[in-house]
Amino acid sequence: DEKDGVPDGMKVDVEGRVYCTGPGGTWVFAPNGTRLAIIRTPEIPANVAFGGPDLRTLFFTARTSVYTLRATTPGQPHPWYRVRKGSR
């Protein structure tokens, strides 16, 4: 049930899994390239990001909305990422 299109935004978690937005949702790949899952959202996602104080919230941006999902594995921190004191 994959649709035509191309991959767009990509992020990596601390275990090396790649999250890539594209046709049909956000595709999750193991470090060896094996497809593990497709995370479906109501709209085609344009990008994905890990956020929150523990980097375990996935944010999916789409044409009209932002969707979230709690992840069991945190995202790989961006070199400039810092949690603000007092954030929850």
N, C-alpha and C. Protein backbone atom coordinates (compact mmCIF):
# COMPACT_ATOMS: atom_id res chain seq x y z
N ASP A 1 0.81 -1.19 0.00
CA ASP A 1 0.00 0.00 0.00
C ASP A 1 0.86 1.27 0.00
N GLU A 2 2.11 1.14 -0.39
CA GLU A 2 2.97 2.32 -0.49
C GLU A 2 2.50 3.18 -1.65
N LYS A 3 2.66 4.48 -1.50
CA LYS A 3 2.25 5.43 -2.54
C LYS A 3 3.49 5.96 -3.22
N ASP A 4 3.29 6.50 -4.43
CA ASP A 4 4.41 7.14 -5.12
C ASP A 4 4.86 8.35 -4.31
N GLY A 5 6.13 8.63 -4.38
CA GLY A 5 6.69 9.77 -3.67
C GLY A 5 8.15 9.51 -3.36
N VAL A 6 8.73 10.43 -2.66
CA VAL A 6 10.15 10.31 -2.31
C VAL A 6 10.33 10.56 -0.82
N PRO A 7 11.41 10.01 -0.24
CA PRO A 7 11.70 10.29 1.17
C PRO A 7 11.97 11.78 1.37
N ASP A 8 11.73 12.25 2.58
CA ASP A 8 11.96 13.66 2.87
C ASP A 8 12.79 13.78 4.14
N GLY A 9 12.17 14.12 5.27
CA GLY A 9 12.92 14.33 6.51
C GLY A 9 13.43 13.04 7.11
N MET A 10 14.61 13.10 7.74
CA MET A 10 15.19 11.92 8.39
C MET A 10 15.77 12.29 9.74
N LYS A 11 15.61 11.36 10.71
CA LYS A 11 16.23 11.49 12.02
C LYS A 11 16.68 10.11 12.46
N VAL A 12 17.56 10.05 13.47
CA VAL A 12 18.12 8.79 13.95
C VAL A 12 17.93 8.72 15.46
N ASP A 13 17.60 7.53 15.98
CA ASP A 13 17.51 7.37 17.43
C ASP A 13 18.85 6.88 17.99
N VAL A 14 18.94 6.75 19.31
CA VAL A 14 20.21 6.40 19.94
C VAL A 14 20.66 4.97 19.63
N GLU A 15 19.76 4.13 19.11
CA GLU A 15 20.13 2.77 18.72
C GLU A 15 20.46 2.66 17.24
N GLY A 16 20.48 3.80 16.55
CA GLY A 16 20.87 3.81 15.14
C GLY A 16 19.76 3.58 14.15
N ARG A 17 18.52 3.49 14.63
CA ARG A 17 17.38 3.34 13.71
C ARG A 17 17.12 4.67 13.01
N VAL A 18 16.78 4.58 11.73
CA VAL A 18 16.52 5.77 10.92
C VAL A 18 15.02 5.93 10.74
N TYR A 19 14.51 7.13 10.98
CA TYR A 19 13.11 7.49 10.80
C TYR A 19 13.05 8.41 9.60
N CYS A 20 12.35 8.00 8.56
CA CYS A 20 12.34 8.74 7.30
C CYS A 20 10.91 8.98 6.85
N THR A 21 10.53 10.25 6.74
CA THR A 21 9.18 10.54 6.27
C THR A 21 9.11 10.33 4.76
N GLY A 22 7.97 9.87 4.32
CA GLY A 22 7.81 9.61 2.90
C GLY A 22 6.43 9.08 2.60
N PRO A 23 6.28 8.40 1.46
CA PRO A 23 4.98 7.90 1.05
C PRO A 23 4.36 6.98 2.10
N GLY A 24 3.16 7.27 2.51
CA GLY A 24 2.45 6.39 3.43
C GLY A 24 2.73 6.60 4.89
N GLY A 25 3.67 7.46 5.25
CA GLY A 25 3.97 7.68 6.66
C GLY A 25 5.45 7.87 6.91
N THR A 26 5.86 7.53 8.13
CA THR A 26 7.27 7.61 8.51
C THR A 26 7.82 6.20 8.57
N TRP A 27 8.80 5.93 7.75
CA TRP A 27 9.39 4.60 7.65
C TRP A 27 10.51 4.50 8.67
N VAL A 28 10.58 3.36 9.36
CA VAL A 28 11.62 3.13 10.37
C VAL A 28 12.50 1.99 9.87
N PHE A 29 13.81 2.25 9.81
CA PHE A 29 14.77 1.27 9.33
C PHE A 29 15.79 0.93 10.41
N ALA A 30 16.18 -0.34 10.47
CA ALA A 30 17.27 -0.78 11.35
C ALA A 30 18.59 -0.26 10.79
N PRO A 31 19.64 -0.25 11.61
CA PRO A 31 20.94 0.19 11.11
C PRO A 31 21.42 -0.58 9.88
N ASN A 32 20.98 -1.84 9.73
CA ASN A 32 21.41 -2.63 8.56
C ASN A 32 20.55 -2.39 7.33
N GLY A 33 19.55 -1.49 7.44
CA GLY A 33 18.71 -1.16 6.29
C GLY A 33 17.38 -1.90 6.23
N THR A 34 17.15 -2.85 7.12
CA THR A 34 15.89 -3.58 7.14
C THR A 34 14.75 -2.66 7.57
N ARG A 35 13.65 -2.67 6.82
CA ARG A 35 12.49 -1.88 7.23
C ARG A 35 11.83 -2.54 8.42
N LEU A 36 11.65 -1.79 9.50
CA LEU A 36 11.05 -2.31 10.73
C LEU A 36 9.57 -1.98 10.84
N ALA A 37 9.19 -0.80 10.39
CA ALA A 37 7.81 -0.36 10.57
C ALA A 37 7.52 0.84 9.69
N ILE A 38 6.23 1.13 9.55
CA ILE A 38 5.77 2.39 8.98
C ILE A 38 4.81 3.00 9.99
N ILE A 39 5.12 4.20 10.45
CA ILE A 39 4.24 4.91 11.39
C ILE A 39 3.28 5.73 10.54
N ARG A 40 2.00 5.41 10.65
CA ARG A 40 0.98 6.08 9.85
C ARG A 40 0.47 7.32 10.58
N THR A 41 0.25 8.38 9.84
CA THR A 41 -0.36 9.60 10.36
C THR A 41 -1.51 9.97 9.43
N PRO A 42 -2.46 10.78 9.91
CA PRO A 42 -3.61 11.14 9.07
C PRO A 42 -3.23 11.86 7.78
N GLU A 43 -2.09 12.56 7.78
CA GLU A 43 -1.61 13.25 6.59
C GLU A 43 -0.21 12.74 6.26
N ILE A 44 0.23 12.96 5.04
CA ILE A 44 1.60 12.58 4.66
C ILE A 44 2.56 13.49 5.42
N PRO A 45 3.47 12.93 6.20
CA PRO A 45 4.40 13.77 6.96
C PRO A 45 5.49 14.34 6.06
N ALA A 46 5.89 15.56 6.38
CA ALA A 46 6.98 16.21 5.64
C ALA A 46 8.31 16.08 6.37
N ASN A 47 8.25 16.03 7.71
CA ASN A 47 9.48 15.91 8.48
C ASN A 47 9.15 15.31 9.83
N VAL A 48 10.18 14.84 10.50
CA VAL A 48 10.04 14.23 11.81
C VAL A 48 11.16 14.76 12.70
N ALA A 49 10.87 14.87 14.00
CA ALA A 49 11.88 15.33 14.95
C ALA A 49 11.64 14.66 16.30
N PHE A 50 12.71 14.41 17.03
CA PHE A 50 12.61 13.96 18.41
C PHE A 50 12.64 15.19 19.29
N GLY A 51 11.81 15.21 20.34
CA GLY A 51 11.79 16.36 21.23
C GLY A 51 11.35 15.98 22.62
N GLY A 52 11.08 17.00 23.42
CA GLY A 52 10.75 16.80 24.82
C GLY A 52 12.02 16.67 25.64
N PRO A 53 11.91 16.78 26.95
CA PRO A 53 13.10 16.76 27.80
C PRO A 53 13.88 15.45 27.73
N ASP A 54 13.21 14.35 27.37
CA ASP A 54 13.89 13.06 27.29
C ASP A 54 14.10 12.60 25.85
N LEU A 55 13.78 13.45 24.89
CA LEU A 55 13.90 13.14 23.45
C LEU A 55 13.13 11.88 23.06
N ARG A 56 12.02 11.61 23.75
CA ARG A 56 11.20 10.44 23.44
C ARG A 56 9.84 10.79 22.84
N THR A 57 9.67 12.04 22.45
CA THR A 57 8.45 12.43 21.75
C THR A 57 8.80 12.66 20.30
N LEU A 58 8.14 11.93 19.41
CA LEU A 58 8.31 12.15 17.98
C LEU A 58 7.29 13.19 17.53
N PHE A 59 7.76 14.18 16.80
CA PHE A 59 6.90 15.21 16.22
C PHE A 59 6.92 15.02 14.70
N PHE A 60 5.74 14.91 14.11
CA PHE A 60 5.61 14.75 12.67
C PHE A 60 4.93 16.00 12.13
N THR A 61 5.58 16.72 11.24
CA THR A 61 4.94 17.88 10.62
C THR A 61 4.29 17.44 9.32
N ALA A 62 3.13 18.00 9.05
CA ALA A 62 2.40 17.70 7.81
C ALA A 62 1.84 19.01 7.27
N ARG A 63 1.09 18.91 6.22
CA ARG A 63 0.59 20.12 5.55
C ARG A 63 -0.22 21.04 6.48
N THR A 64 -1.10 20.46 7.29
CA THR A 64 -1.97 21.30 8.13
C THR A 64 -1.83 21.06 9.62
N SER A 65 -1.02 20.09 10.03
CA SER A 65 -0.98 19.73 11.45
C SER A 65 0.39 19.25 11.87
N VAL A 66 0.55 19.15 13.19
CA VAL A 66 1.71 18.51 13.80
C VAL A 66 1.16 17.37 14.65
N TYR A 67 1.71 16.18 14.47
CA TYR A 67 1.27 15.00 15.20
C TYR A 67 2.40 14.56 16.13
N THR A 68 2.05 13.93 17.25
CA THR A 68 3.07 13.46 18.19
C THR A 68 2.84 11.99 18.53
N LEU A 69 3.91 11.35 18.96
CA LEU A 69 3.88 9.95 19.38
C LEU A 69 5.01 9.75 20.37
N ARG A 70 4.72 9.08 21.49
CA ARG A 70 5.77 8.77 22.45
C ARG A 70 6.56 7.57 21.93
N ALA A 71 7.88 7.68 21.98
CA ALA A 71 8.77 6.62 21.52
C ALA A 71 9.38 5.91 22.73
N THR A 72 9.70 4.65 22.58
CA THR A 72 10.36 3.92 23.66
C THR A 72 11.86 4.19 23.69
N THR A 73 12.41 4.59 22.56
CA THR A 73 13.84 4.87 22.45
C THR A 73 14.03 6.34 22.14
N PRO A 74 14.92 7.03 22.87
CA PRO A 74 15.12 8.45 22.60
C PRO A 74 15.84 8.69 21.28
N GLY A 75 15.64 9.88 20.77
CA GLY A 75 16.34 10.29 19.56
C GLY A 75 17.79 10.63 19.84
N GLN A 76 18.57 10.59 18.80
CA GLN A 76 19.98 11.00 18.89
C GLN A 76 19.98 12.52 19.05
N PRO A 77 20.60 13.04 20.12
CA PRO A 77 20.57 14.50 20.31
C PRO A 77 21.32 15.23 19.20
N HIS A 78 20.76 16.34 18.80
CA HIS A 78 21.44 17.22 17.85
C HIS A 78 22.60 17.88 18.60
N PRO A 79 23.71 18.13 17.94
CA PRO A 79 24.86 18.73 18.65
C PRO A 79 24.52 20.03 19.38
N TRP A 80 23.51 20.76 18.92
CA TRP A 80 23.16 22.03 19.56
C TRP A 80 22.00 21.90 20.53
N TYR A 81 21.48 20.67 20.72
CA TYR A 81 20.30 20.47 21.56
C TYR A 81 20.65 20.60 23.03
N ARG A 82 19.86 21.38 23.76
CA ARG A 82 19.98 21.47 25.21
C ARG A 82 18.58 21.55 25.80
N VAL A 83 18.35 20.81 26.86
CA VAL A 83 17.07 20.90 27.57
C VAL A 83 17.13 22.14 28.44
N ARG A 84 16.11 22.97 28.35
CA ARG A 84 16.05 24.17 29.18
C ARG A 84 15.72 23.81 30.61
N LYS A 85 16.36 24.46 31.55
CA LYS A 85 16.05 24.23 32.96
C LYS A 85 14.60 24.58 33.21
N GLY A 86 13.93 23.72 33.96
CA GLY A 86 12.53 23.96 34.28
C GLY A 86 11.56 23.42 33.23
N SER A 87 12.06 22.86 32.12
CA SER A 87 11.14 22.31 31.12
C SER A 87 10.66 20.94 31.57
N ARG A 88 9.51 20.55 31.08
CA ARG A 88 8.96 19.25 31.46
C ARG A 88 8.89 18.35 30.28
